[in-house]
PDB file of all heavy atoms in Angstrom:
ATOM      1  N   ILE A   1       9.235 -14.443  93.021  1.00  0.00           N
ATOM      2  CA  ILE A   1       8.588 -13.187  92.613  1.00  0.00           C
ATOM      3  C   ILE A   1       9.683 -12.354  91.949  1.00  0.00           C
ATOM      4  O   ILE A   1      10.797 -12.272  92.450  1.00  0.00           O
ATOM      5  CB  ILE A   1       8.056 -12.416  93.835  1.00  0.00           C
ATOM      6  CG1 ILE A   1       7.088 -13.260  94.616  1.00  0.00           C
ATOM      7  CG2 ILE A   1       7.509 -11.065  93.424  1.00  0.00           C
ATOM      8  CD1 ILE A   1       5.647 -13.006  94.383  1.00  0.00           C
ATOM      9  N   VAL A   2       9.351 -11.734  90.833  1.00  0.00           N
ATOM     10  CA  VAL A   2      10.281 -10.821  90.165  1.00  0.00           C
ATOM     11  C   VAL A   2       9.798  -9.403  90.423  1.00  0.00           C
ATOM     12  O   VAL A   2       8.618  -9.101  90.264  1.00  0.00           O
ATOM     13  CB  VAL A   2      10.338 -11.080  88.638  1.00  0.00           C
ATOM     14  CG1 VAL A   2      11.233 -10.061  87.953  1.00  0.00           C
ATOM     15  CG2 VAL A   2      10.831 -12.491  88.352  1.00  0.00           C
ATOM     16  N   LYS A   3      10.712  -8.550  90.868  1.00  0.00           N
ATOM     17  CA  LYS A   3      10.420  -7.131  91.050  1.00  0.00           C
ATOM     18  C   LYS A   3      11.572  -6.334  90.470  1.00  0.00           C
ATOM     19  O   LYS A   3      12.575  -6.908  90.046  1.00  0.00           O
ATOM     20  CB  LYS A   3      10.180  -6.793  92.519  1.00  0.00           C
ATOM     21  CG  LYS A   3      11.412  -6.973  93.404  1.00  0.00           C
ATOM     22  CD  LYS A   3      11.269  -6.284  94.736  1.00  0.00           C
ATOM     23  CE  LYS A   3      11.409  -4.817  94.484  1.00  0.00           C
ATOM     24  NZ  LYS A   3      11.570  -3.951  95.601  1.00  0.00           N
ATOM     25  N   PHE A   4      11.430  -5.029  90.458  1.00  0.00           N
ATOM     26  CA  PHE A   4      12.450  -4.186  89.858  1.00  0.00           C
ATOM     27  C   PHE A   4      13.087  -3.287  90.904  1.00  0.00           C
ATOM     28  O   PHE A   4      12.402  -2.773  91.795  1.00  0.00           O
ATOM     29  CB  PHE A   4      11.848  -3.380  88.710  1.00  0.00           C
ATOM     30  CG  PHE A   4      11.303  -4.272  87.632  1.00  0.00           C
ATOM     31  CD1 PHE A   4       9.976  -4.641  87.621  1.00  0.00           C
ATOM     32  CD2 PHE A   4      12.151  -4.803  86.666  1.00  0.00           C
ATOM     33  CE1 PHE A   4       9.475  -5.499  86.649  1.00  0.00           C
ATOM     34  CE2 PHE A   4      11.665  -5.672  85.697  1.00  0.00           C
ATOM     35  CZ  PHE A   4      10.322  -6.019  85.690  1.00  0.00           C
ATOM     36  N   ALA A   5      14.397  -3.099  90.800  1.00  0.00           N
ATOM     37  CA  ALA A   5      15.150  -2.305  91.761  1.00  0.00           C
ATOM     38  C   ALA A   5      14.565  -0.910  91.879  1.00  0.00           C
ATOM     39  O   ALA A   5      14.229  -0.278  90.884  1.00  0.00           O
ATOM     40  CB  ALA A   5      16.620  -2.238  91.341  1.00  0.00           C
ATOM     41  N   GLY A   6      14.423  -0.451  93.112  1.00  0.00           N
ATOM     42  CA  GLY A   6      13.909   0.880  93.375  1.00  0.00           C
ATOM     43  C   GLY A   6      12.412   0.939  93.534  1.00  0.00           C
ATOM     44  O   GLY A   6      11.882   1.935  94.010  1.00  0.00           O
ATOM     45  N   CYS A   7      11.703  -0.112  93.160  1.00  0.00           N
ATOM     46  CA  CYS A   7      10.244  -0.124  93.294  1.00  0.00           C
ATOM     47  C   CYS A   7       9.853  -0.584  94.694  1.00  0.00           C
ATOM     48  O   CYS A   7      10.469  -1.467  95.263  1.00  0.00           O
ATOM     49  CB  CYS A   7       9.609  -1.030  92.244  1.00  0.00           C
ATOM     50  SG  CYS A   7       9.786  -0.409  90.566  1.00  0.00           S
ATOM     51  N   TYR A   8       8.817   0.016  95.228  1.00  0.00           N
ATOM     52  CA  TYR A   8       8.353  -0.278  96.583  1.00  0.00           C
ATOM     53  C   TYR A   8       6.950  -0.885  96.504  1.00  0.00           C
ATOM     54  O   TYR A   8       6.084  -0.363  95.804  1.00  0.00           O
ATOM     55  CB  TYR A   8       8.330   1.010  97.407  1.00  0.00           C
ATOM     56  CG  TYR A   8       7.753   0.837  98.781  1.00  0.00           C
ATOM     57  CD1 TYR A   8       8.472   0.168  99.764  1.00  0.00           C
ATOM     58  CD2 TYR A   8       6.496   1.322  99.088  1.00  0.00           C
ATOM     59  CE1 TYR A   8       7.945  -0.004 101.034  1.00  0.00           C
ATOM     60  CE2 TYR A   8       5.959   1.154 100.347  1.00  0.00           C
ATOM     61  CZ  TYR A   8       6.690   0.492 101.311  1.00  0.00           C
ATOM     62  OH  TYR A   8       6.164   0.317 102.567  1.00  0.00           O
ATOM     63  N   HIS A   9       6.748  -1.975  97.238  1.00  0.00           N
ATOM     64  CA  HIS A   9       5.465  -2.677  97.196  1.00  0.00           C
ATOM     65  C   HIS A   9       4.931  -2.978  98.588  1.00  0.00           C
ATOM     66  O   HIS A   9       4.246  -3.969  98.793  1.00  0.00           O
ATOM     67  CB  HIS A   9       5.606  -3.981  96.396  1.00  0.00           C
ATOM     68  CG  HIS A   9       6.080  -3.760  95.001  1.00  0.00           C
ATOM     69  ND1 HIS A   9       5.263  -3.242  94.018  1.00  0.00           N
ATOM     70  CD2 HIS A   9       7.292  -3.935  94.434  1.00  0.00           C
ATOM     71  CE1 HIS A   9       5.949  -3.134  92.890  1.00  0.00           C
ATOM     72  NE2 HIS A   9       7.180  -3.544  93.117  1.00  0.00           N
ATOM     73  N   GLY A  10       5.257  -2.147  99.548  1.00  0.00           N
ATOM     74  CA  GLY A  10       4.768  -2.337 100.906  1.00  0.00           C
ATOM     75  C   GLY A  10       5.761  -3.060 101.795  1.00  0.00           C
ATOM     76  O   GLY A  10       6.810  -3.502 101.355  1.00  0.00           O
ATOM     77  N   HIS A  11       5.411  -3.157 103.051  1.00  0.00           N
ATOM     78  CA  HIS A  11       6.302  -3.770 104.028  1.00  0.00           C
ATOM     79  C   HIS A  11       6.064  -5.275 104.142  1.00  0.00           C
ATOM     80  O   HIS A  11       5.602  -5.793 105.145  1.00  0.00           O
ATOM     81  CB  HIS A  11       6.136  -3.095 105.388  1.00  0.00           C
ATOM     82  CG  HIS A  11       6.884  -1.823 105.484  1.00  0.00           C
ATOM     83  ND1 HIS A  11       6.497  -0.689 104.814  1.00  0.00           N
ATOM     84  CD2 HIS A  11       8.025  -1.507 106.134  1.00  0.00           C
ATOM     85  CE1 HIS A  11       7.355   0.277 105.071  1.00  0.00           C
ATOM     86  NE2 HIS A  11       8.297  -0.193 105.864  1.00  0.00           N
ATOM     87  N   SER A  12       6.374  -5.968 103.093  1.00  0.00           N
ATOM     88  CA  SER A  12       6.362  -7.427 103.061  1.00  0.00           C
ATOM     89  C   SER A  12       7.821  -7.835 102.928  1.00  0.00           C
ATOM     90  O   SER A  12       8.525  -7.327 102.052  1.00  0.00           O
ATOM     91  CB  SER A  12       5.552  -7.904 101.848  1.00  0.00           C
ATOM     92  OG  SER A  12       5.754  -9.275 101.634  1.00  0.00           O
ATOM     93  N   ASP A  13       8.299  -8.707 103.807  1.00  0.00           N
ATOM     94  CA  ASP A  13       9.724  -9.033 103.830  1.00  0.00           C
ATOM     95  C   ASP A  13      10.307  -9.314 102.447  1.00  0.00           C
ATOM     96  O   ASP A  13      11.327  -8.757 102.074  1.00  0.00           O
ATOM     97  CB  ASP A  13      10.001 -10.232 104.741  1.00  0.00           C
ATOM     98  CG  ASP A  13      10.020  -9.859 106.217  1.00  0.00           C
ATOM     99  OD1 ASP A  13       9.917  -8.655 106.527  1.00  0.00           O
ATOM    100  OD2 ASP A  13      10.130 -10.772 107.046  1.00  0.00           O
ATOM    101  N   ALA A  14       9.667 -10.173 101.688  1.00  0.00           N
ATOM    102  CA  ALA A  14      10.220 -10.561 100.390  1.00  0.00           C
ATOM    103  C   ALA A  14      10.292  -9.380  99.431  1.00  0.00           C
ATOM    104  O   ALA A  14      11.160  -9.327  98.568  1.00  0.00           O
ATOM    105  CB  ALA A  14       9.384 -11.679  99.769  1.00  0.00           C
ATOM    106  N   LEU A  15       9.400  -8.421  99.575  1.00  0.00           N
ATOM    107  CA  LEU A  15       9.351  -7.309  98.633  1.00  0.00           C
ATOM    108  C   LEU A  15      10.187  -6.117  99.055  1.00  0.00           C
ATOM    109  O   LEU A  15      10.330  -5.156  98.297  1.00  0.00           O
ATOM    110  CB  LEU A  15       7.893  -6.880  98.421  1.00  0.00           C
ATOM    111  CG  LEU A  15       6.981  -8.006  97.938  1.00  0.00           C
ATOM    112  CD1 LEU A  15       5.562  -7.508  97.782  1.00  0.00           C
ATOM    113  CD2 LEU A  15       7.494  -8.614  96.646  1.00  0.00           C
ATOM    114  N   LEU A  16      10.789  -6.153 100.243  1.00  0.00           N
ATOM    115  CA  LEU A  16      11.667  -5.073 100.665  1.00  0.00           C
ATOM    116  C   LEU A  16      13.056  -5.183 100.048  1.00  0.00           C
ATOM    117  O   LEU A  16      13.869  -4.285 100.196  1.00  0.00           O
ATOM    118  CB  LEU A  16      11.773  -5.035 102.199  1.00  0.00           C
ATOM    119  CG  LEU A  16      10.542  -4.487 102.912  1.00  0.00           C
ATOM    120  CD1 LEU A  16      10.685  -4.656 104.413  1.00  0.00           C
ATOM    121  CD2 LEU A  16      10.325  -3.029 102.561  1.00  0.00           C
ATOM    122  N   ALA A  17      13.331  -6.253  99.343  1.00  0.00           N
ATOM    123  CA  ALA A  17      14.620  -6.406  98.670  1.00  0.00           C
ATOM    124  C   ALA A  17      14.784  -5.303  97.638  1.00  0.00           C
ATOM    125  O   ALA A  17      13.960  -5.149  96.754  1.00  0.00           O
ATOM    126  CB  ALA A  17      14.696  -7.771  97.987  1.00  0.00           C
ATOM    127  N   ALA A  18      15.842  -4.510  97.780  1.00  0.00           N
ATOM    128  CA  ALA A  18      16.159  -3.421  96.855  1.00  0.00           C
ATOM    129  C   ALA A  18      14.965  -2.511  96.599  1.00  0.00           C
ATOM    130  O   ALA A  18      14.732  -2.075  95.490  1.00  0.00           O
ATOM    131  CB  ALA A  18      16.708  -3.968  95.540  1.00  0.00           C
ATOM    132  N   ALA A  19      14.223  -2.188  97.665  1.00  0.00           N
ATOM    133  CA  ALA A  19      13.033  -1.344  97.512  1.00  0.00           C
ATOM    134  C   ALA A  19      13.377   0.126  97.334  1.00  0.00           C
ATOM    135  O   ALA A  19      12.600   0.882  96.801  1.00  0.00           O
ATOM    136  CB  ALA A  19      12.111  -1.510  98.721  1.00  0.00           C
ATOM    137  N   GLY A  20      14.526   0.525  97.811  1.00  0.00           N
ATOM    138  CA  GLY A  20      14.953   1.900  97.604  1.00  0.00           C
ATOM    139  C   GLY A  20      14.646   2.838  98.744  1.00  0.00           C
ATOM    140  O   GLY A  20      15.435   3.701  99.041  1.00  0.00           O
ATOM    141  N   SER A  21      13.516   2.713  99.419  1.00  0.00           N
ATOM    142  CA  SER A  21      13.116   3.726 100.392  1.00  0.00           C
ATOM    143  C   SER A  21      14.068   3.822 101.580  1.00  0.00           C
ATOM    144  O   SER A  21      14.424   4.914 101.984  1.00  0.00           O
ATOM    145  CB  SER A  21      11.689   3.489 100.873  1.00  0.00           C
ATOM    146  OG  SER A  21      11.560   2.217 101.463  1.00  0.00           O
ATOM    147  N   GLY A  22      14.487   2.697 102.148  1.00  0.00           N
ATOM    148  CA  GLY A  22      15.410   2.764 103.272  1.00  0.00           C
ATOM    149  C   GLY A  22      16.752   3.343 102.874  1.00  0.00           C
ATOM    150  O   GLY A  22      17.312   4.197 103.546  1.00  0.00           O
ATOM    151  N   VAL A  23      17.247   2.932 101.754  1.00  0.00           N
ATOM    152  CA  VAL A  23      18.533   3.419 101.265  1.00  0.00           C
ATOM    153  C   VAL A  23      18.422   4.897 100.878  1.00  0.00           C
ATOM    154  O   VAL A  23      19.288   5.699 101.183  1.00  0.00           O
ATOM    155  CB  VAL A  23      18.993   2.579 100.055  1.00  0.00           C
ATOM    156  CG1 VAL A  23      20.277   3.136  99.480  1.00  0.00           C
ATOM    157  CG2 VAL A  23      19.206   1.141 100.475  1.00  0.00           C
ATOM    158  N   ALA A  24      17.331   5.257 100.224  1.00  0.00           N
ATOM    159  CA  ALA A  24      17.178   6.616  99.725  1.00  0.00           C
ATOM    160  C   ALA A  24      16.929   7.626 100.835  1.00  0.00           C
ATOM    161  O   ALA A  24      17.392   8.756 100.764  1.00  0.00           O
ATOM    162  CB  ALA A  24      16.030   6.670  98.713  1.00  0.00           C
ATOM    163  N   THR A  25      16.197   7.233 101.883  1.00  0.00           N
ATOM    164  CA  THR A  25      15.789   8.218 102.880  1.00  0.00           C
ATOM    165  C   THR A  25      16.464   8.078 104.230  1.00  0.00           C
ATOM    166  O   THR A  25      16.609   9.065 104.936  1.00  0.00           O
ATOM    167  CB  THR A  25      14.261   8.158 103.115  1.00  0.00           C
ATOM    168  OG1 THR A  25      13.923   6.857 103.596  1.00  0.00           O
ATOM    169  CG2 THR A  25      13.498   8.441 101.844  1.00  0.00           C
ATOM    170  N   GLY A  26      16.871   6.879 104.609  1.00  0.00           N
ATOM    171  CA  GLY A  26      17.393   6.698 105.958  1.00  0.00           C
ATOM    172  C   GLY A  26      18.796   6.146 106.033  1.00  0.00           C
ATOM    173  O   GLY A  26      19.289   5.877 107.116  1.00  0.00           O
ATOM    174  N   GLY A  27      19.445   5.931 104.925  1.00  0.00           N
ATOM    175  CA  GLY A  27      20.774   5.360 104.936  1.00  0.00           C
ATOM    176  C   GLY A  27      20.802   3.940 105.467  1.00  0.00           C
ATOM    177  O   GLY A  27      21.791   3.505 106.044  1.00  0.00           O
ATOM    178  N   LEU A  28      19.706   3.203 105.306  1.00  0.00           N
ATOM    179  CA  LEU A  28      19.618   1.846 105.829  1.00  0.00           C
ATOM    180  C   LEU A  28      19.891   0.825 104.735  1.00  0.00           C
ATOM    181  O   LEU A  28      19.632   1.087 103.564  1.00  0.00           O
ATOM    182  CB  LEU A  28      18.210   1.603 106.384  1.00  0.00           C
ATOM    183  CG  LEU A  28      17.739   2.585 107.449  1.00  0.00           C
ATOM    184  CD1 LEU A  28      16.265   2.376 107.752  1.00  0.00           C
ATOM    185  CD2 LEU A  28      18.578   2.458 108.698  1.00  0.00           C
ATOM    186  N   PRO A  29      20.377  -0.365 105.109  1.00  0.00           N
ATOM    187  CA  PRO A  29      20.546  -1.424 104.113  1.00  0.00           C
ATOM    188  C   PRO A  29      19.222  -1.738 103.429  1.00  0.00           C
ATOM    189  O   PRO A  29      18.167  -1.658 104.056  1.00  0.00           O
ATOM    190  CB  PRO A  29      21.040  -2.621 104.931  1.00  0.00           C
ATOM    191  CG  PRO A  29      21.579  -2.037 106.186  1.00  0.00           C
ATOM    192  CD  PRO A  29      20.787  -0.783 106.438  1.00  0.00           C
ATOM    193  N   GLY A  30      19.264  -2.115 102.176  1.00  0.00           N
ATOM    194  CA  GLY A  30      18.057  -2.389 101.410  1.00  0.00           C
ATOM    195  C   GLY A  30      17.194  -3.497 101.979  1.00  0.00           C
ATOM    196  O   GLY A  30      15.989  -3.494 101.801  1.00  0.00           O
ATOM    197  N   SER A  31      17.786  -4.468 102.661  1.00  0.00           N
ATOM    198  CA  SER A  31      17.013  -5.604 103.157  1.00  0.00           C
ATOM    199  C   SER A  31      17.367  -5.941 104.603  1.00  0.00           C
ATOM    200  O   SER A  31      17.394  -7.088 104.977  1.00  0.00           O
ATOM    201  CB  SER A  31      17.261  -6.830 102.264  1.00  0.00           C
ATOM    202  OG  SER A  31      16.861  -6.573 100.956  1.00  0.00           O
ATOM    203  N   ALA A  32      17.651  -4.952 105.409  1.00  0.00           N
ATOM    204  CA  ALA A  32      18.030  -5.210 106.803  1.00  0.00           C
ATOM    205  C   ALA A  32      16.923  -5.964 107.529  1.00  0.00           C
ATOM    206  O   ALA A  32      15.759  -5.593 107.457  1.00  0.00           O
ATOM    207  CB  ALA A  32      18.301  -3.900 107.523  1.00  0.00           C
ATOM    208  N   GLY A  33      17.279  -7.057 108.191  1.00  0.00           N
ATOM    209  CA  GLY A  33      16.324  -7.817 108.977  1.00  0.00           C
ATOM    210  C   GLY A  33      15.491  -8.811 108.201  1.00  0.00           C
ATOM    211  O   GLY A  33      14.713  -9.540 108.781  1.00  0.00           O
ATOM    212  N   VAL A  34      15.634  -8.837 106.911  1.00  0.00           N
ATOM    213  CA  VAL A  34      14.879  -9.787 106.100  1.00  0.00           C
ATOM    214  C   VAL A  34      15.681 -11.082 106.019  1.00  0.00           C
ATOM    215  O   VAL A  34      16.831 -11.070 105.597  1.00  0.00           O
ATOM    216  CB  VAL A  34      14.602  -9.234 104.685  1.00  0.00           C
ATOM    217  CG1 VAL A  34      13.882 -10.266 103.838  1.00  0.00           C
ATOM    218  CG2 VAL A  34      13.796  -7.951 104.766  1.00  0.00           C
ATOM    219  N   PRO A  35      15.101 -12.211 106.413  1.00  0.00           N
ATOM    220  CA  PRO A  35      15.831 -13.478 106.375  1.00  0.00           C
ATOM    221  C   PRO A  35      16.317 -13.825 104.964  1.00  0.00           C
ATOM    222  O   PRO A  35      15.597 -13.587 103.980  1.00  0.00           O
ATOM    223  CB  PRO A  35      14.795 -14.505 106.851  1.00  0.00           C
ATOM    224  CG  PRO A  35      13.806 -13.708 107.629  1.00  0.00           C
ATOM    225  CD  PRO A  35      13.755 -12.372 106.954  1.00  0.00           C
ATOM    226  N   THR A  36      17.497 -14.377 104.872  1.00  0.00           N
ATOM    227  CA  THR A  36      18.082 -14.748 103.581  1.00  0.00           C
ATOM    228  C   THR A  36      17.166 -15.687 102.804  1.00  0.00           C
ATOM    229  O   THR A  36      17.001 -15.540 101.593  1.00  0.00           O
ATOM    230  CB  THR A  36      19.455 -15.414 103.790  1.00  0.00           C
ATOM    231  OG1 THR A  36      20.289 -14.502 104.503  1.00  0.00           O
ATOM    232  CG2 THR A  36      20.110 -15.755 102.472  1.00  0.00           C
ATOM    233  N   ALA A  37      16.540 -16.630 103.488  1.00  0.00           N
ATOM    234  CA  ALA A  37      15.654 -17.584 102.812  1.00  0.00           C
ATOM    235  C   ALA A  37      14.460 -16.881 102.169  1.00  0.00           C
ATOM    236  O   ALA A  37      13.987 -17.293 101.114  1.00  0.00           O
ATOM    237  CB  ALA A  37      15.172 -18.644 103.797  1.00  0.00           C
ATOM    238  N   VAL A  38      14.000 -15.801 102.780  1.00  0.00           N
ATOM    239  CA  VAL A  38      12.863 -15.054 102.234  1.00  0.00           C
ATOM    240  C   VAL A  38      13.308 -14.215 101.046  1.00  0.00           C
ATOM    241  O   VAL A  38      12.675 -14.228  99.987  1.00  0.00           O
ATOM    242  CB  VAL A  38      12.220 -14.167 103.332  1.00  0.00           C
ATOM    243  CG1 VAL A  38      11.160 -13.260 102.738  1.00  0.00           C
ATOM    244  CG2 VAL A  38      11.630 -15.035 104.422  1.00  0.00           C
ATOM    245  N   SER A  39      14.410 -13.477 101.207  1.00  0.00           N
ATOM    246  CA  SER A  39      14.862 -12.624 100.112  1.00  0.00           C
ATOM    247  C   SER A  39      15.344 -13.446  98.922  1.00  0.00           C
ATOM    248  O   SER A  39      15.327 -12.963  97.787  1.00  0.00           O
ATOM    249  CB  SER A  39      15.944 -11.648 100.575  1.00  0.00           C
ATOM    250  OG  SER A  39      17.076 -12.331 101.044  1.00  0.00           O
ATOM    251  N   ALA A  40      15.707 -14.699  99.153  1.00  0.00           N
ATOM    252  CA  ALA A  40      16.142 -15.570  98.050  1.00  0.00           C
ATOM    253  C   ALA A  40      14.982 -15.904  97.111  1.00  0.00           C
ATOM    254  O   ALA A  40      15.193 -16.333  95.986  1.00  0.00           O
ATOM    255  CB  ALA A  40      16.751 -16.854  98.594  1.00  0.00           C
ATOM    256  N   GLN A  41      13.755 -15.662  97.562  1.00  0.00           N
ATOM    257  CA  GLN A  41      12.585 -15.935  96.723  1.00  0.00           C
ATOM    258  C   GLN A  41      12.174 -14.720  95.894  1.00  0.00           C
ATOM    259  O   GLN A  41      11.187 -14.749  95.188  1.00  0.00           O
ATOM    260  CB  GLN A  41      11.416 -16.405  97.584  1.00  0.00           C
ATOM    261  CG  GLN A  41      11.678 -17.749  98.215  1.00  0.00           C
ATOM    262  CD  GLN A  41      10.530 -18.199  99.082  1.00  0.00           C
ATOM    263  OE1 GLN A  41       9.883 -17.413  99.756  1.00  0.00           O
ATOM    264  NE2 GLN A  41      10.265 -19.488  99.044  1.00  0.00           N
ATOM    265  N   THR A  42      12.952 -13.645  95.995  1.00  0.00           N
ATOM    266  CA  THR A  42      12.677 -12.432  95.238  1.00  0.00           C
ATOM    267  C   THR A  42      13.829 -12.172  94.278  1.00  0.00           C
ATOM    268  O   THR A  42      14.970 -12.047  94.694  1.00  0.00           O
ATOM    269  CB  THR A  42      12.508 -11.220  96.175  1.00  0.00           C
ATOM    270  OG1 THR A  42      11.488 -11.506  97.118  1.00  0.00           O
ATOM    271  CG2 THR A  42      12.145  -9.969  95.388  1.00  0.00           C
ATOM    272  N   ILE A  43      13.519 -12.105  93.003  1.00  0.00           N
ATOM    273  CA  ILE A  43      14.514 -11.765  91.992  1.00  0.00           C
ATOM    274  C   ILE A  43      14.362 -10.278  91.707  1.00  0.00           C
ATOM    275  O   ILE A  43      13.264  -9.816  91.375  1.00  0.00           O
ATOM    276  CB  ILE A  43      14.294 -12.575  90.699  1.00  0.00           C
ATOM    277  CG1 ILE A  43      14.444 -14.075  90.977  1.00  0.00           C
ATOM    278  CG2 ILE A  43      15.248 -12.109  89.602  1.00  0.00           C
ATOM    279  CD1 ILE A  43      14.044 -14.952  89.801  1.00  0.00           C
TER     280      ILE A  43
END
């Protein structure tokens, strides 16, 4: 799946990669808790 940095598409593990909301509002890592194998399927 291709998405764009800063865009948010809901709480689906693969789509939380570089979603912006955690980093922008809570100081959290962009993909905390998302398995590497899942985030590897998101460009």
